[in-house]
Amino acid sequence: MSSEPLLKVSGVETYYGNIRALAGVDVEVHKGEIVSLIGANGAGKSTLMMTICGSPQARAGQVVFDGEDITEMPTHLIARRRIAQSPEGRRIFPRMTVLENLQMGAGLDNLKYFKEDVEKVFTMFPRLKERQSQRGGTLSGGEQQMLSIGRALMSRPKLLLLDEPSLGLAPLIVKGIFEQIKRLNKEEGLTVFLVEQNAFAALKLSDRAYVMVNGKVTMSGTGKELLADPSVRAAYLEGGHH
């Protein structure tokens, strides 16, 4: 593991109007890791993801990516640094076909790899290949989630931010999606920062994890350590998986 993290969030505070949503958050993600952020609904997990991407911007603290301070950078320039986000709620383009959605994900500088990258996404999610000429809005929830992740991967990201990939999906589909994330991490060294309500699945997948409560990180450790921690089990794991 390199000494300098790929992503370093230090003392970040984010506000919505006068409401403080993040209260001095410190998080690090090293190259090649899968790191997850777990916590109850409304803990500030998605806000942290959005703050990393520059919308909203942090009012205090610092976000450093690949050695560069991106705290006050506009979102489109942050995306060019090859941070890709698969946002909560699968925000795909519903009127565009699957293939057009994937084209939107490929940066202009990646068009030379377009065919190769589309094939990679189709190998990962064969369902998308079958549906490539269908409009995004006609896909099932699971297929839309696959498309959202596929679109993010089209930019050849150095860091993939996944916000609630399992939300509202059947356990079997979730398992498949998590297996693909693990495979990309193992085979291609993809670095992943994951926000997830399904704490059990997230911790099993992750090298390290953070627990967020009311806009603050209250605990961190390896995925294994947090899975075994009684307070984490009581708060997030009891009855949460079978």
Protein backbone atom coordinates (compact mmCIF):
# COMPACT_ATOMS: atom_id res chain seq x y z
CA MET A 1 0.00 0.00 0.00
CA SER A 2 1.46 3.37 -0.96
CA SER A 3 1.96 5.83 1.88
CA GLU A 4 -0.04 8.61 0.19
CA PRO A 5 -3.74 7.75 -0.07
CA LEU A 6 -5.43 8.10 -3.45
CA LEU A 7 -8.30 9.93 -1.72
CA LYS A 8 -7.86 11.84 1.52
CA VAL A 9 -10.77 13.63 3.14
CA SER A 10 -9.64 15.76 6.11
CA GLY A 11 -11.89 17.61 8.55
CA VAL A 12 -14.62 18.06 5.97
CA GLU A 13 -17.73 20.00 6.94
CA THR A 14 -20.64 20.28 4.54
CA TYR A 15 -23.79 22.31 5.04
CA TYR A 16 -27.24 22.46 3.48
CA GLY A 17 -28.17 26.06 4.24
CA ASN A 18 -27.50 26.36 7.98
CA ILE A 19 -27.75 22.64 8.65
CA ARG A 20 -24.42 20.91 9.12
CA ALA A 21 -24.58 17.54 7.36
CA LEU A 22 -20.92 16.57 7.78
CA ALA A 23 -19.15 17.47 11.01
CA GLY A 24 -15.41 17.15 10.42
CA VAL A 25 -15.07 13.92 8.47
CA ASP A 26 -11.72 12.15 7.95
CA VAL A 27 -11.57 9.29 5.47
CA GLU A 28 -8.74 7.73 3.44
CA VAL A 29 -8.87 5.39 0.46
CA HIS A 30 -5.62 3.88 -0.82
CA LYS A 31 -5.01 2.72 -4.36
CA GLY A 32 -6.36 -0.78 -4.98
CA GLU A 33 -8.59 -0.88 -1.90
CA ILE A 34 -12.30 -1.39 -1.50
CA VAL A 35 -13.40 0.85 1.34
CA SER A 36 -16.97 1.11 2.54
CA LEU A 37 -18.89 3.64 4.56
CA ILE A 38 -21.82 2.27 6.53
CA GLY A 39 -24.36 3.96 8.74
CA ALA A 40 -28.05 4.55 9.24
CA ASN A 41 -30.20 6.46 6.80
CA GLY A 42 -29.55 10.18 7.07
CA ALA A 43 -26.10 9.73 8.66
CA GLY A 44 -24.49 11.83 5.90
CA LYS A 45 -23.04 9.03 3.76
CA SER A 46 -24.41 10.26 0.41
CA THR A 47 -23.51 13.84 1.34
CA LEU A 48 -19.88 12.76 1.70
CA MET A 49 -19.97 11.14 -1.76
CA MET A 50 -21.47 14.29 -3.27
CA THR A 51 -18.96 16.51 -1.47
CA ILE A 52 -16.05 14.48 -2.91
CA CYS A 53 -17.55 15.20 -6.35
CA GLY A 54 -17.85 18.92 -5.60
CA SER A 55 -21.58 19.33 -5.23
CA PRO A 56 -22.13 20.58 -2.56
CA GLN A 57 -18.63 21.88 -1.85
CA ALA A 58 -17.11 21.49 1.60
CA ARG A 59 -17.31 24.61 3.73
CA ALA A 60 -14.34 23.51 5.82
CA GLY A 61 -11.65 20.88 5.54
CA GLN A 62 -9.99 19.46 2.47
CA VAL A 63 -10.49 16.80 -0.20
CA VAL A 64 -7.27 15.64 -1.87
CA PHE A 65 -7.33 13.21 -4.80
CA ASP A 66 -4.17 11.73 -6.28
CA GLY A 67 -2.07 14.42 -4.58
CA GLU A 68 -4.21 17.32 -5.84
CA ASP A 69 -6.52 19.51 -3.73
CA ILE A 70 -9.96 19.25 -5.35
CA THR A 71 -11.97 20.81 -2.50
CA GLU A 72 -13.08 23.87 -4.47
CA MET A 73 -12.94 22.40 -7.94
CA PRO A 74 -16.16 22.33 -10.02
CA THR A 75 -17.76 18.91 -10.52
CA HIS A 76 -16.96 18.58 -14.23
CA LEU A 77 -13.25 19.13 -13.59
CA ILE A 78 -13.30 16.60 -10.74
CA ALA A 79 -14.84 14.04 -13.12
CA ARG A 80 -11.95 14.68 -15.52
CA ARG A 81 -9.56 13.60 -12.78
CA ARG A 82 -11.11 10.15 -13.37
CA ILE A 83 -13.35 9.94 -10.35
CA ALA A 84 -16.54 8.22 -11.49
CA GLN A 85 -19.72 8.09 -9.48
CA SER A 86 -22.62 5.68 -9.70
CA PRO A 87 -25.07 7.84 -7.75
CA GLU A 88 -27.80 6.76 -5.38
CA GLY A 89 -31.11 6.09 -7.12
CA ARG A 90 -29.55 4.90 -10.41
CA ARG A 91 -29.68 8.19 -12.27
CA ILE A 92 -29.43 6.88 -15.79
CA PHE A 93 -30.81 8.60 -18.90
CA PRO A 94 -34.25 6.96 -19.19
CA ARG A 95 -34.97 8.00 -22.79
CA MET A 96 -31.60 6.88 -24.11
CA THR A 97 -30.80 3.30 -25.02
CA VAL A 98 -28.44 1.20 -22.95
CA LEU A 99 -25.69 1.74 -25.52
CA GLU A 100 -26.26 5.52 -25.60
CA ASN A 101 -26.08 5.61 -21.79
CA LEU A 102 -22.72 3.85 -21.96
CA GLN A 103 -21.54 6.34 -24.60
CA MET A 104 -22.41 9.17 -22.21
CA GLY A 105 -20.14 7.56 -19.63
CA ALA A 106 -17.11 7.37 -21.90
CA GLY A 107 -15.09 10.56 -21.71
CA LEU A 108 -14.17 12.14 -25.04
CA ASP A 109 -10.58 11.06 -24.52
CA ASN A 110 -11.68 7.45 -24.04
CA LEU A 111 -13.58 7.08 -27.29
CA LYS A 112 -10.72 5.16 -28.85
CA TYR A 113 -11.33 2.46 -26.24
CA PHE A 114 -15.10 2.62 -26.64
CA LYS A 115 -15.63 -0.77 -28.31
CA GLU A 116 -13.29 -2.54 -25.94
CA ASP A 117 -14.86 -0.90 -22.87
CA VAL A 118 -18.43 -1.65 -23.99
CA GLU A 119 -17.45 -5.29 -24.49
CA LYS A 120 -16.02 -5.33 -20.98
CA VAL A 121 -19.27 -3.98 -19.51
CA PHE A 122 -21.30 -6.48 -21.55
CA THR A 123 -19.10 -9.35 -20.35
CA MET A 124 -19.60 -8.18 -16.79
CA PHE A 125 -23.35 -7.70 -17.16
CA PRO A 126 -24.61 -9.94 -20.01
CA ARG A 127 -28.15 -8.69 -19.34
CA LEU A 128 -27.13 -5.27 -20.65
CA LYS A 129 -25.86 -6.79 -23.88
CA GLU A 130 -29.27 -8.38 -24.49
CA ARG A 131 -30.91 -5.02 -23.79
CA GLN A 132 -28.44 -2.71 -25.55
CA SER A 133 -31.01 -1.12 -27.87
CA GLN A 134 -33.69 -0.75 -25.15
CA ARG A 135 -34.34 2.59 -23.48
CA GLY A 136 -32.87 2.88 -20.01
CA GLY A 137 -36.25 3.70 -18.50
CA THR A 138 -37.71 0.35 -19.56
CA LEU A 139 -35.11 -1.71 -17.65
CA SER A 140 -35.75 -3.37 -14.30
CA GLY A 141 -34.21 -1.85 -11.14
CA GLY A 142 -31.37 -4.36 -11.15
CA GLU A 143 -30.61 -3.73 -14.82
CA GLN A 144 -30.63 0.03 -14.24
CA GLN A 145 -28.15 -0.45 -11.40
CA MET A 146 -25.90 -2.52 -13.69
CA LEU A 147 -26.16 0.23 -16.31
CA SER A 148 -25.30 2.92 -13.76
CA ILE A 149 -22.16 1.03 -12.70
CA GLY A 150 -21.31 0.18 -16.32
CA ARG A 151 -21.64 3.82 -17.32
CA ALA A 152 -19.30 4.88 -14.48
CA LEU A 153 -16.73 2.27 -15.58
CA MET A 154 -16.76 3.60 -19.16
CA SER A 155 -14.68 6.58 -18.00
CA ARG A 156 -11.87 4.20 -16.95
CA PRO A 157 -11.90 5.62 -13.42
CA LYS A 158 -9.00 5.69 -11.00
CA LEU A 159 -11.63 5.77 -8.26
CA LEU A 160 -15.17 4.41 -8.45
CA LEU A 161 -17.68 5.90 -6.01
CA LEU A 162 -20.69 3.64 -5.52
CA ASP A 163 -23.63 5.11 -3.65
CA GLU A 164 -26.10 2.51 -2.34
CA PRO A 165 -25.69 -0.01 -5.20
CA SER A 166 -27.96 -2.55 -3.47
CA LEU A 167 -30.85 -0.18 -2.77
CA GLY A 168 -34.21 -1.81 -3.53
CA LEU A 169 -32.69 -4.83 -5.28
CA ALA A 170 -33.29 -8.54 -4.77
CA PRO A 171 -30.54 -10.29 -2.76
CA LEU A 172 -29.46 -12.45 -5.69
CA ILE A 173 -28.93 -9.40 -7.93
CA VAL A 174 -27.04 -7.65 -5.13
CA LYS A 175 -24.78 -10.69 -4.75
CA GLY A 176 -24.02 -10.62 -8.49
CA ILE A 177 -23.22 -6.91 -8.47
CA PHE A 178 -20.93 -7.23 -5.44
CA GLU A 179 -19.13 -10.20 -7.05
CA GLN A 180 -18.43 -8.08 -10.13
CA ILE A 181 -17.08 -5.21 -8.00
CA LYS A 182 -14.78 -7.67 -6.20
CA ARG A 183 -13.61 -9.09 -9.52
CA LEU A 184 -12.80 -5.64 -10.97
CA ASN A 185 -10.87 -4.83 -7.83
CA LYS A 186 -8.90 -8.10 -7.88
CA GLU A 187 -8.25 -8.36 -11.61
CA GLU A 188 -7.88 -4.72 -12.61
CA GLY A 189 -6.90 -3.10 -9.34
CA LEU A 190 -9.93 -0.83 -9.43
CA THR A 191 -10.15 1.35 -6.30
CA VAL A 192 -13.69 1.50 -4.90
CA PHE A 193 -15.31 3.70 -2.25
CA LEU A 194 -18.71 2.33 -1.41
CA VAL A 195 -21.62 3.78 0.55
CA GLU A 196 -24.00 1.02 1.48
CA GLN A 197 -27.03 0.38 3.71
CA ASN A 198 -26.46 -3.36 3.46
CA ALA A 199 -23.70 -3.34 6.07
CA PHE A 200 -23.14 -7.09 6.02
CA ALA A 201 -22.53 -7.26 2.25
CA ALA A 202 -20.38 -4.11 2.32
CA LEU A 203 -18.15 -5.24 5.18
CA LYS A 204 -17.65 -8.68 3.68
CA LEU A 205 -16.52 -7.06 0.43
CA SER A 206 -14.29 -4.35 1.92
CA ASP A 207 -10.66 -4.18 2.90
CA ARG A 208 -11.49 -1.39 5.33
CA ALA A 209 -14.60 0.42 6.44
CA TYR A 210 -15.85 3.46 8.31
CA VAL A 211 -19.01 3.84 10.38
CA MET A 212 -20.82 7.17 10.16
CA VAL A 213 -23.27 8.53 12.72
CA ASN A 214 -24.85 11.99 12.45
CA GLY A 215 -22.26 13.37 10.04
CA LYS A 216 -19.24 12.07 11.97
CA VAL A 217 -17.05 9.00 11.50
CA THR A 218 -17.34 7.14 14.79
CA MET A 219 -15.37 3.97 14.00
CA SER A 220 -13.05 2.51 11.43
CA GLY A 221 -11.27 -0.76 10.91
CA THR A 222 -10.88 -3.65 8.52
CA GLY A 223 -14.06 -5.16 7.12
CA LYS A 224 -13.43 -8.24 9.29
CA GLU A 225 -12.91 -6.22 12.48
CA LEU A 226 -16.14 -4.28 12.04
CA LEU A 227 -18.08 -7.44 11.13
CA ALA A 228 -16.97 -8.91 14.45
CA ASP A 229 -17.51 -5.77 16.53
CA PRO A 230 -20.46 -6.19 18.93
CA SER A 231 -21.62 -2.56 18.70
CA VAL A 232 -21.56 -2.68 14.88
CA ARG A 233 -23.37 -5.99 14.94
CA ALA A 234 -26.04 -4.64 17.26
CA ALA A 235 -26.56 -1.42 15.30
CA TYR A 236 -26.28 -2.58 11.69
CA LEU A 237 -26.11 -6.35 11.38
CA GLU A 238 -28.66 -7.89 13.71
CA GLY A 239 -31.44 -9.35 11.63
CA GLY A 240 -30.02 -7.55 8.60
CA HIS A 241 -28.89 -10.67 6.76
CA HIS A 242 -29.95 -14.27 6.52
